[in-house]
Every structure is written in C-alpha cells, then in structure tokens.
N, C-alpha and C. Protein backbone atom coordinates (compact mmCIF):
# COMPACT_ATOMS: atom_id res chain seq x y z
N UNK A 1 122.28 45.75 150.49
CA UNK A 1 122.32 46.86 151.37
C UNK A 1 122.04 48.28 150.64
N UNK A 2 121.07 49.03 150.89
CA UNK A 2 120.91 50.44 150.19
C UNK A 2 121.79 51.51 150.83
N UNK A 3 122.49 52.36 149.99
CA UNK A 3 123.41 53.34 150.28
C UNK A 3 122.74 54.53 149.57
N UNK A 4 122.43 55.51 150.24
CA UNK A 4 121.84 56.84 149.55
C UNK A 4 123.05 57.25 148.67
N UNK A 5 122.37 58.23 147.61
CA UNK A 5 123.42 58.47 146.49
C UNK A 5 124.51 59.47 146.93
N UNK A 6 123.96 60.25 147.98
CA UNK A 6 124.87 61.15 148.64
C UNK A 6 125.90 60.82 149.56
N UNK A 7 125.66 59.56 150.06
CA UNK A 7 126.80 58.81 150.88
C UNK A 7 127.86 57.92 149.98
N UNK A 8 127.54 57.75 148.64
CA UNK A 8 128.45 57.17 147.94
C UNK A 8 129.67 57.91 147.53
N UNK A 9 130.92 57.51 147.49
CA UNK A 9 131.89 58.04 147.12
C UNK A 9 131.84 58.86 145.84
N UNK A 10 132.36 59.99 145.62
CA UNK A 10 132.34 60.75 144.37
C UNK A 10 133.33 60.36 143.39
N UNK A 11 133.29 60.13 142.10
CA UNK A 11 134.25 59.72 141.38
C UNK A 11 135.42 60.67 141.29
N UNK A 12 136.69 60.43 141.06
CA UNK A 12 137.83 61.51 140.94
C UNK A 12 137.35 62.57 139.80
N UNK A 13 137.78 63.61 139.99
CA UNK A 13 137.49 64.72 139.09
C UNK A 13 138.23 64.49 137.85
N UNK A 14 137.64 64.78 136.67
CA UNK A 14 138.39 64.74 135.48
C UNK A 14 139.37 65.60 135.20
N UNK A 15 140.30 65.55 134.29
CA UNK A 15 141.47 66.33 134.07
C UNK A 15 141.47 66.64 132.63
N UNK A 16 142.00 67.98 132.31
CA UNK A 16 142.14 68.31 131.00
C UNK A 16 143.40 69.22 130.86
N UNK A 17 143.70 69.42 129.70
CA UNK A 17 145.13 70.14 129.26
C UNK A 17 144.86 71.57 129.17
N UNK A 18 145.68 72.38 129.82
CA UNK A 18 145.62 73.76 129.58
C UNK A 18 147.14 74.27 129.45
N UNK A 19 147.55 74.80 128.39
CA UNK A 19 148.98 75.48 128.01
C UNK A 19 149.76 74.34 128.44
N UNK A 20 149.60 73.13 127.91
CA UNK A 20 150.65 72.12 128.15
C UNK A 20 150.66 71.53 129.36
N UNK A 21 149.81 71.85 130.44
CA UNK A 21 149.64 71.16 131.73
C UNK A 21 148.46 70.63 131.98
N UNK A 22 148.43 69.34 132.69
CA UNK A 22 147.37 68.62 133.10
C UNK A 22 146.55 69.32 134.27
N UNK A 23 145.45 69.93 134.16
CA UNK A 23 144.79 70.52 135.27
C UNK A 23 143.42 69.84 135.63
N UNK A 24 143.24 69.33 136.98
CA UNK A 24 142.05 68.99 137.51
C UNK A 24 141.06 70.01 137.47
N UNK A 25 139.77 69.44 137.30
CA UNK A 25 138.56 70.41 137.41
C UNK A 25 137.73 69.83 138.36
N UNK A 26 136.72 70.67 139.00
CA UNK A 26 136.04 70.29 139.91
C UNK A 26 134.72 69.89 139.49
N UNK A 27 134.32 69.72 138.18
CA UNK A 27 133.08 69.44 137.70
C UNK A 27 133.16 67.82 137.30
N UNK A 28 132.14 67.28 137.55
CA UNK A 28 132.07 65.85 137.32
C UNK A 28 130.76 65.36 137.00
N UNK A 29 130.37 64.19 136.58
CA UNK A 29 129.12 63.52 136.33
C UNK A 29 128.07 64.00 137.09
N UNK A 30 127.07 64.33 137.12
CA UNK A 30 125.96 64.65 138.01
C UNK A 30 125.93 65.84 138.66
N UNK A 31 126.86 66.85 138.20
CA UNK A 31 126.99 68.19 138.69
C UNK A 31 126.03 68.97 137.99
N UNK A 32 125.59 70.05 138.66
CA UNK A 32 124.67 71.02 138.09
C UNK A 32 125.49 72.34 137.65
N UNK A 33 125.57 72.60 136.52
CA UNK A 33 126.46 73.78 136.13
C UNK A 33 125.79 74.92 135.27
N UNK A 34 126.52 75.97 134.98
CA UNK A 34 126.05 76.86 134.16
C UNK A 34 127.25 77.41 133.28
N UNK A 35 126.84 77.70 132.09
CA UNK A 35 127.95 78.21 131.17
C UNK A 35 128.20 79.56 131.41
N UNK A 36 129.46 80.03 131.27
CA UNK A 36 129.75 81.39 131.51
C UNK A 36 128.99 82.39 130.42
N UNK A 37 128.42 83.31 131.21
CA UNK A 37 127.65 84.40 130.43
C UNK A 37 126.18 83.83 130.41
N UNK A 38 125.82 82.84 131.18
CA UNK A 38 124.43 82.36 131.08
C UNK A 38 124.09 81.99 132.41
N UNK A 39 122.59 81.85 132.50
CA UNK A 39 122.12 81.59 133.95
C UNK A 39 121.21 80.32 133.72
N UNK A 40 121.26 79.59 132.60
CA UNK A 40 120.66 78.45 132.42
C UNK A 40 121.45 77.32 133.14
N UNK A 41 120.57 76.49 134.08
CA UNK A 41 121.03 75.36 134.89
C UNK A 41 121.11 74.11 133.93
N UNK A 42 122.22 73.55 133.90
CA UNK A 42 122.35 72.23 133.07
C UNK A 42 122.88 71.11 133.97
N UNK A 43 122.63 70.03 133.66
CA UNK A 43 122.91 68.77 134.17
C UNK A 43 124.05 68.00 133.41
N UNK A 44 125.06 67.76 134.17
CA UNK A 44 126.46 67.05 133.46
C UNK A 44 125.94 65.73 133.45
N UNK A 45 125.72 64.95 132.24
CA UNK A 45 125.29 63.65 132.07
C UNK A 45 126.41 62.73 132.03
N UNK A 46 127.36 63.28 131.15
CA UNK A 46 128.56 62.38 130.87
C UNK A 46 129.72 63.31 130.74
N UNK A 47 130.98 62.73 131.22
CA UNK A 47 132.25 63.33 131.05
C UNK A 47 132.89 62.60 129.79
N UNK A 48 133.29 63.43 128.76
CA UNK A 48 133.95 62.84 127.53
C UNK A 48 135.35 63.18 127.51
N UNK A 49 136.23 62.08 127.53
CA UNK A 49 137.68 62.45 127.53
C UNK A 49 138.27 61.89 126.17
N UNK A 50 138.73 62.93 125.30
CA UNK A 50 139.43 62.64 124.09
C UNK A 50 140.68 63.21 123.86
N UNK A 51 141.29 63.18 122.73
CA UNK A 51 142.71 63.55 122.43
C UNK A 51 142.47 65.07 122.59
N UNK A 52 141.70 65.92 122.36
CA UNK A 52 141.38 67.26 122.35
C UNK A 52 141.31 67.90 123.84
N UNK A 53 141.14 66.89 124.79
CA UNK A 53 140.79 67.29 126.07
C UNK A 53 139.59 66.78 126.55
N UNK A 54 138.93 67.31 127.91
CA UNK A 54 137.86 66.82 128.33
C UNK A 54 136.62 67.78 127.84
N UNK A 55 135.36 67.08 127.66
CA UNK A 55 134.15 67.81 127.25
C UNK A 55 133.11 67.46 127.99
N UNK A 56 132.12 67.86 128.29
CA UNK A 56 130.98 67.68 129.19
C UNK A 56 129.67 67.74 128.37
N UNK A 57 128.98 66.49 128.33
CA UNK A 57 127.68 66.37 127.71
C UNK A 57 126.60 67.02 128.65
N UNK A 58 126.15 68.06 128.55
CA UNK A 58 125.08 68.59 129.34
C UNK A 58 123.60 68.52 128.77
N UNK A 59 122.87 68.40 129.73
CA UNK A 59 121.40 68.41 129.24
C UNK A 59 120.59 69.37 130.08
N UNK A 60 119.47 69.80 129.51
CA UNK A 60 118.54 70.70 130.06
C UNK A 60 117.25 70.80 129.35
N UNK A 61 116.18 71.42 129.86
CA UNK A 61 115.03 71.55 129.37
C UNK A 61 114.82 72.89 128.65
N UNK A 62 114.34 72.88 127.47
CA UNK A 62 114.19 74.17 127.00
C UNK A 62 112.80 74.45 126.04
N UNK A 63 112.03 75.00 126.54
CA UNK A 63 110.72 75.04 125.78
C UNK A 63 109.89 73.77 125.82
N UNK A 64 110.06 72.87 126.97
CA UNK A 64 109.34 71.89 127.30
C UNK A 64 110.02 70.67 126.79
N UNK A 65 111.12 70.71 126.13
CA UNK A 65 111.86 69.61 125.34
C UNK A 65 113.18 69.41 125.96
N UNK A 66 113.61 68.37 125.80
CA UNK A 66 115.15 68.07 126.49
C UNK A 66 116.07 68.66 125.25
N UNK A 67 117.09 69.35 125.74
CA UNK A 67 118.07 69.66 125.09
C UNK A 67 119.56 69.38 125.26
N UNK A 68 120.29 69.14 124.54
CA UNK A 68 121.75 68.76 125.00
C UNK A 68 122.88 69.33 124.21
N UNK A 69 124.06 69.31 124.78
CA UNK A 69 125.09 69.96 123.91
C UNK A 69 126.62 69.63 124.77
N UNK A 70 127.65 69.64 123.96
CA UNK A 70 128.89 69.26 124.53
C UNK A 70 129.55 70.77 124.72
N UNK A 71 130.28 70.86 126.22
CA UNK A 71 131.03 71.89 126.37
C UNK A 71 132.15 71.63 126.88
N UNK A 72 133.17 72.64 126.65
CA UNK A 72 134.55 72.42 127.08
C UNK A 72 134.63 72.80 128.62
N UNK A 73 135.63 72.35 129.33
CA UNK A 73 135.66 72.56 130.89
C UNK A 73 135.90 74.10 131.01
N UNK A 74 136.38 74.81 130.12
CA UNK A 74 136.70 76.33 130.55
C UNK A 74 135.51 76.98 130.32
N UNK A 75 134.50 76.61 129.75
CA UNK A 75 133.26 77.28 129.53
C UNK A 75 132.12 77.16 130.40
N UNK A 76 132.45 76.18 131.59
CA UNK A 76 131.35 75.86 132.46
C UNK A 76 131.99 76.20 133.93
N UNK A 77 130.82 76.36 134.76
CA UNK A 77 131.33 76.68 136.12
C UNK A 77 130.19 75.83 137.02
N UNK A 78 130.64 75.30 138.23
CA UNK A 78 129.40 74.75 139.01
C UNK A 78 128.44 75.74 139.50
N UNK A 79 127.29 75.37 139.52
CA UNK A 79 126.18 76.29 139.89
C UNK A 79 126.20 76.45 141.63
N UNK A 80 126.07 77.45 142.04
CA UNK A 80 126.20 77.79 143.49
C UNK A 80 124.67 77.66 144.04
N UNK A 81 124.65 77.19 145.24
CA UNK A 81 123.26 77.23 145.78
C UNK A 81 122.33 76.20 145.33
N UNK A 82 122.72 75.24 144.62
CA UNK A 82 121.81 74.06 144.02
C UNK A 82 121.98 72.82 144.52
C-alpha cells in the first residue's frame, strides 16, 4: 500500500542539552532550515546525536555544487513559508 510522505508520522523531535537540561527541538530530518544570520535554505539530511549534544548534517547547493556542513541546534531555525 502506498502512503504519501506527508501522511506518514513524523519521527519524534531530537533532544539536546542546554545548561544541564534536556531540551526538545522542533528540527528533524527532512526539514528545511536556515542558519541564524543567513538566508541560505538548507535541507536537514541527518540528525547526529553524540556526547556533545545533537548536530544536524545539512546540505545545500552552492555555485552548482552540493555542499554540506554540520550545525548545532542552537544555530538553526526552521524556514518559514517553505
């Protein structure tokens, strides 16, 4: 049975540590995000959980080439209107 992607349940939001407290974030795999102070749209390809907290592997196109970088949850926000 085919189920459209938007009808599938979204995985639970990842959590990260901030000032000794576990904090939920609303960013997950497949979201479109922007870094604070930037207008570049990026796609969250993978959520990385490690000892230092959560990181987000983001990809985007820059100059016709695919670029990637890992960002911390504090430096990203979900893109609005996308």
